[in-house]
Amino acid sequence: MFIVTLRFSDSKAKAPQFMEGHNDWIRRGFEDGIFLLTGGLQPSLGGAILAHRISRSELDARVLDDPFVAEGIVSAEILEIAPGRTDERLAFLKA
């Protein structure tokens, strides 16, 4: 399981022109069953993604395909988590 943070850079002002492509990239992540959650880092620092069912190298490649990353609008950091104990509602994350 992974947490991806996408922190705005000094190029944040370019975000509106690449928002459609970024939203399409997010949509594909959900359709592919990789993304479980996306949301904003507050206050207006960027975004975060909870991802699973993907290898680190595949996720690295997927993140590079995000137009926001490709255009330098955000910088990405990927944190890998090896789930140990979960609430029963999240037991699927340990599989």
N, C-alpha and C. Protein backbone atom coordinates (compact mmCIF):
# COMPACT_ATOMS: atom_id res chain seq x y z
N MET A 1 0.85 -1.17 0.00
CA MET A 1 0.00 0.00 0.00
C MET A 1 0.89 1.23 0.00
N PHE A 2 0.41 2.29 -0.61
CA PHE A 2 1.23 3.49 -0.77
C PHE A 2 0.41 4.74 -0.47
N ILE A 3 1.11 5.72 0.05
CA ILE A 3 0.57 7.08 0.13
C ILE A 3 1.43 7.93 -0.79
N VAL A 4 0.78 8.60 -1.72
CA VAL A 4 1.47 9.49 -2.66
C VAL A 4 1.08 10.92 -2.29
N THR A 5 2.07 11.75 -2.05
CA THR A 5 1.78 13.17 -1.85
C THR A 5 2.24 13.93 -3.08
N LEU A 6 1.41 14.86 -3.49
CA LEU A 6 1.68 15.73 -4.64
C LEU A 6 1.66 17.16 -4.12
N ARG A 7 2.84 17.70 -3.86
CA ARG A 7 2.94 19.04 -3.28
C ARG A 7 3.19 20.08 -4.37
N PHE A 8 2.40 21.15 -4.30
CA PHE A 8 2.55 22.21 -5.29
C PHE A 8 3.96 22.80 -5.28
N SER A 9 4.42 23.12 -6.48
CA SER A 9 5.71 23.80 -6.66
C SER A 9 5.43 25.28 -6.93
N ASP A 10 6.47 25.98 -7.30
CA ASP A 10 6.31 27.39 -7.68
C ASP A 10 5.51 27.55 -8.97
N SER A 11 5.26 26.44 -9.67
CA SER A 11 4.50 26.47 -10.92
C SER A 11 3.02 26.21 -10.71
N LYS A 12 2.54 26.35 -9.50
CA LYS A 12 1.14 26.09 -9.16
C LYS A 12 0.17 26.84 -10.07
N ALA A 13 0.54 28.03 -10.50
CA ALA A 13 -0.34 28.84 -11.35
C ALA A 13 -0.68 28.17 -12.67
N LYS A 14 0.15 27.20 -13.10
CA LYS A 14 -0.12 26.47 -14.35
C LYS A 14 -1.17 25.38 -14.18
N ALA A 15 -1.59 25.10 -12.95
CA ALA A 15 -2.49 23.98 -12.68
C ALA A 15 -3.79 24.02 -13.49
N PRO A 16 -4.47 25.17 -13.61
CA PRO A 16 -5.74 25.15 -14.34
C PRO A 16 -5.63 24.64 -15.78
N GLN A 17 -4.53 24.93 -16.46
CA GLN A 17 -4.43 24.49 -17.85
C GLN A 17 -4.17 22.99 -17.98
N PHE A 18 -3.80 22.32 -16.90
CA PHE A 18 -3.55 20.87 -16.94
C PHE A 18 -4.53 20.09 -16.06
N MET A 19 -5.54 20.78 -15.52
CA MET A 19 -6.48 20.15 -14.58
C MET A 19 -7.28 19.02 -15.24
N GLU A 20 -7.72 19.19 -16.46
CA GLU A 20 -8.50 18.14 -17.14
C GLU A 20 -7.67 16.86 -17.28
N GLY A 21 -6.43 16.99 -17.70
CA GLY A 21 -5.57 15.83 -17.83
C GLY A 21 -5.27 15.18 -16.49
N HIS A 22 -5.07 16.00 -15.47
CA HIS A 22 -4.84 15.49 -14.12
C HIS A 22 -6.06 14.72 -13.62
N ASN A 23 -7.25 15.28 -13.84
CA ASN A 23 -8.48 14.60 -13.42
C ASN A 23 -8.70 13.30 -14.19
N ASP A 24 -8.35 13.28 -15.47
CA ASP A 24 -8.42 12.04 -16.25
C ASP A 24 -7.46 11.00 -15.69
N TRP A 25 -6.27 11.42 -15.30
CA TRP A 25 -5.28 10.53 -14.71
C TRP A 25 -5.81 9.94 -13.40
N ILE A 26 -6.43 10.75 -12.58
CA ILE A 26 -7.04 10.27 -11.33
C ILE A 26 -8.16 9.28 -11.64
N ARG A 27 -9.02 9.62 -12.59
CA ARG A 27 -10.13 8.74 -12.96
C ARG A 27 -9.62 7.36 -13.37
N ARG A 28 -8.56 7.32 -14.18
CA ARG A 28 -7.98 6.04 -14.61
C ARG A 28 -7.46 5.24 -13.42
N GLY A 29 -6.87 5.93 -12.44
CA GLY A 29 -6.39 5.25 -11.24
C GLY A 29 -7.50 4.54 -10.50
N PHE A 30 -8.67 5.18 -10.40
CA PHE A 30 -9.82 4.55 -9.77
C PHE A 30 -10.38 3.43 -10.63
N GLU A 31 -10.51 3.68 -11.93
CA GLU A 31 -11.04 2.65 -12.83
C GLU A 31 -10.16 1.40 -12.84
N ASP A 32 -8.86 1.57 -12.71
CA ASP A 32 -7.93 0.44 -12.70
C ASP A 32 -7.88 -0.26 -11.34
N GLY A 33 -8.60 0.26 -10.36
CA GLY A 33 -8.63 -0.35 -9.03
C GLY A 33 -7.38 -0.10 -8.22
N ILE A 34 -6.59 0.90 -8.60
CA ILE A 34 -5.33 1.22 -7.92
C ILE A 34 -5.54 2.27 -6.83
N PHE A 35 -6.29 3.31 -7.14
CA PHE A 35 -6.52 4.39 -6.19
C PHE A 35 -7.72 4.06 -5.31
N LEU A 36 -7.55 4.22 -4.01
CA LEU A 36 -8.63 4.02 -3.05
C LEU A 36 -9.21 5.34 -2.57
N LEU A 37 -8.39 6.38 -2.57
CA LEU A 37 -8.79 7.67 -2.03
C LEU A 37 -7.89 8.74 -2.63
N THR A 38 -8.47 9.87 -2.94
CA THR A 38 -7.69 11.06 -3.28
C THR A 38 -8.26 12.22 -2.48
N GLY A 39 -7.43 13.20 -2.22
CA GLY A 39 -7.91 14.37 -1.50
C GLY A 39 -6.86 15.45 -1.45
N GLY A 40 -7.28 16.60 -0.98
CA GLY A 40 -6.39 17.75 -0.91
C GLY A 40 -5.59 17.80 0.38
N LEU A 41 -4.35 18.23 0.25
CA LEU A 41 -3.51 18.52 1.42
C LEU A 41 -3.83 19.95 1.83
N GLN A 42 -4.16 20.15 3.07
CA GLN A 42 -4.58 21.46 3.55
C GLN A 42 -3.45 22.18 4.26
N PRO A 43 -3.41 23.48 4.14
CA PRO A 43 -4.28 24.36 3.36
C PRO A 43 -3.71 24.59 1.97
N SER A 44 -4.35 24.07 0.96
CA SER A 44 -3.98 24.25 -0.45
C SER A 44 -2.51 23.95 -0.74
N LEU A 45 -2.03 22.84 -0.17
CA LEU A 45 -0.63 22.46 -0.37
C LEU A 45 -0.44 21.50 -1.54
N GLY A 46 -1.52 20.89 -2.02
CA GLY A 46 -1.44 19.90 -3.08
C GLY A 46 -2.45 18.81 -2.83
N GLY A 47 -2.06 17.56 -3.14
CA GLY A 47 -2.99 16.45 -2.98
C GLY A 47 -2.31 15.21 -2.45
N ALA A 48 -3.15 14.22 -2.13
CA ALA A 48 -2.64 12.94 -1.64
C ALA A 48 -3.49 11.82 -2.21
N ILE A 49 -2.86 10.67 -2.37
CA ILE A 49 -3.52 9.50 -2.94
C ILE A 49 -3.17 8.29 -2.08
N LEU A 50 -4.15 7.46 -1.81
CA LEU A 50 -3.93 6.16 -1.20
C LEU A 50 -4.06 5.13 -2.31
N ALA A 51 -3.00 4.36 -2.55
CA ALA A 51 -2.96 3.41 -3.66
C ALA A 51 -2.62 2.02 -3.15
N HIS A 52 -3.13 1.01 -3.87
CA HIS A 52 -2.80 -0.38 -3.52
C HIS A 52 -2.89 -1.24 -4.78
N ARG A 53 -2.54 -2.51 -4.63
CA ARG A 53 -2.57 -3.48 -5.73
C ARG A 53 -1.68 -3.06 -6.90
N ILE A 54 -0.49 -2.58 -6.59
CA ILE A 54 0.45 -2.14 -7.62
C ILE A 54 1.85 -2.23 -7.01
N SER A 55 2.83 -2.51 -7.85
CA SER A 55 4.21 -2.54 -7.36
C SER A 55 4.75 -1.12 -7.30
N ARG A 56 5.84 -0.96 -6.57
CA ARG A 56 6.45 0.37 -6.45
C ARG A 56 6.89 0.88 -7.81
N SER A 57 7.51 0.02 -8.61
CA SER A 57 7.99 0.48 -9.92
C SER A 57 6.83 0.85 -10.84
N GLU A 58 5.74 0.11 -10.76
CA GLU A 58 4.56 0.46 -11.57
C GLU A 58 3.95 1.78 -11.10
N LEU A 59 3.92 1.98 -9.79
CA LEU A 59 3.38 3.23 -9.26
C LEU A 59 4.28 4.40 -9.63
N ASP A 60 5.60 4.20 -9.57
CA ASP A 60 6.52 5.26 -10.00
C ASP A 60 6.19 5.70 -11.42
N ALA A 61 6.00 4.74 -12.31
CA ALA A 61 5.70 5.04 -13.72
C ALA A 61 4.34 5.74 -13.84
N ARG A 62 3.36 5.26 -13.10
CA ARG A 62 2.03 5.86 -13.15
C ARG A 62 2.08 7.31 -12.69
N VAL A 63 2.79 7.58 -11.62
CA VAL A 63 2.89 8.95 -11.09
C VAL A 63 3.55 9.87 -12.12
N LEU A 64 4.56 9.37 -12.80
CA LEU A 64 5.23 10.19 -13.83
C LEU A 64 4.30 10.55 -14.98
N ASP A 65 3.22 9.76 -15.17
CA ASP A 65 2.24 10.04 -16.22
C ASP A 65 1.25 11.13 -15.86
N ASP A 66 1.21 11.53 -14.59
CA ASP A 66 0.31 12.60 -14.17
C ASP A 66 0.79 13.90 -14.81
N PRO A 67 -0.08 14.59 -15.55
CA PRO A 67 0.34 15.86 -16.17
C PRO A 67 0.87 16.87 -15.16
N PHE A 68 0.34 16.88 -13.95
CA PHE A 68 0.85 17.81 -12.94
C PHE A 68 2.30 17.50 -12.60
N VAL A 69 2.66 16.23 -12.54
CA VAL A 69 4.04 15.84 -12.27
C VAL A 69 4.90 16.15 -13.50
N ALA A 70 4.43 15.74 -14.66
CA ALA A 70 5.19 15.93 -15.90
C ALA A 70 5.50 17.39 -16.17
N GLU A 71 4.58 18.28 -15.80
CA GLU A 71 4.75 19.71 -16.05
C GLU A 71 5.40 20.45 -14.89
N GLY A 72 5.77 19.73 -13.83
CA GLY A 72 6.44 20.37 -12.70
C GLY A 72 5.53 21.20 -11.82
N ILE A 73 4.22 20.97 -11.92
CA ILE A 73 3.25 21.71 -11.10
C ILE A 73 3.29 21.20 -9.67
N VAL A 74 3.55 19.90 -9.53
CA VAL A 74 3.68 19.29 -8.20
C VAL A 74 4.95 18.44 -8.18
N SER A 75 5.44 18.22 -6.98
CA SER A 75 6.50 17.22 -6.79
C SER A 75 5.85 16.06 -6.04
N ALA A 76 6.20 14.85 -6.45
CA ALA A 76 5.58 13.65 -5.89
C ALA A 76 6.53 12.97 -4.91
N GLU A 77 5.95 12.48 -3.83
CA GLU A 77 6.68 11.62 -2.89
C GLU A 77 5.81 10.39 -2.67
N ILE A 78 6.43 9.22 -2.71
CA ILE A 78 5.71 7.98 -2.51
C ILE A 78 6.23 7.31 -1.25
N LEU A 79 5.31 7.04 -0.34
CA LEU A 79 5.63 6.34 0.91
C LEU A 79 4.98 4.97 0.86
N GLU A 80 5.77 3.92 1.09
CA GLU A 80 5.24 2.57 1.07
C GLU A 80 4.93 2.13 2.50
N ILE A 81 3.76 1.53 2.67
CA ILE A 81 3.32 1.05 3.98
C ILE A 81 3.07 -0.45 3.88
N ALA A 82 3.63 -1.21 4.80
CA ALA A 82 3.34 -2.64 4.91
C ALA A 82 2.29 -2.78 6.00
N PRO A 83 1.01 -2.91 5.64
CA PRO A 83 -0.03 -2.97 6.66
C PRO A 83 0.21 -4.12 7.64
N GLY A 84 0.10 -3.81 8.91
CA GLY A 84 0.24 -4.82 9.95
C GLY A 84 -1.10 -5.10 10.59
N ARG A 85 -1.64 -4.09 11.23
CA ARG A 85 -2.93 -4.22 11.91
C ARG A 85 -3.90 -3.25 11.25
N THR A 86 -5.10 -3.73 10.95
CA THR A 86 -6.11 -2.89 10.32
C THR A 86 -7.46 -3.09 11.01
N ASP A 87 -8.29 -2.12 10.89
CA ASP A 87 -9.69 -2.27 11.25
C ASP A 87 -10.28 -3.29 10.27
N GLU A 88 -11.26 -4.05 10.72
CA GLU A 88 -11.82 -5.09 9.85
C GLU A 88 -12.36 -4.54 8.54
N ARG A 89 -12.79 -3.28 8.53
CA ARG A 89 -13.29 -2.68 7.29
C ARG A 89 -12.20 -2.49 6.25
N LEU A 90 -10.94 -2.50 6.70
CA LEU A 90 -9.81 -2.32 5.79
C LEU A 90 -8.97 -3.59 5.65
N ALA A 91 -9.50 -4.71 6.06
CA ALA A 91 -8.75 -5.97 6.02
C ALA A 91 -8.24 -6.31 4.62
N PHE A 92 -8.95 -5.87 3.60
CA PHE A 92 -8.54 -6.15 2.23
C PHE A 92 -7.17 -5.56 1.90
N LEU A 93 -6.73 -4.57 2.65
CA LEU A 93 -5.43 -3.96 2.39
C LEU A 93 -4.28 -4.88 2.76
N LYS A 94 -4.53 -5.86 3.60
CA LYS A 94 -3.47 -6.78 4.01
C LYS A 94 -3.30 -7.93 3.03
N ALA A 95 -4.22 -8.07 2.12
CA ALA A 95 -4.17 -9.19 1.15
C ALA A 95 -3.12 -8.98 0.09
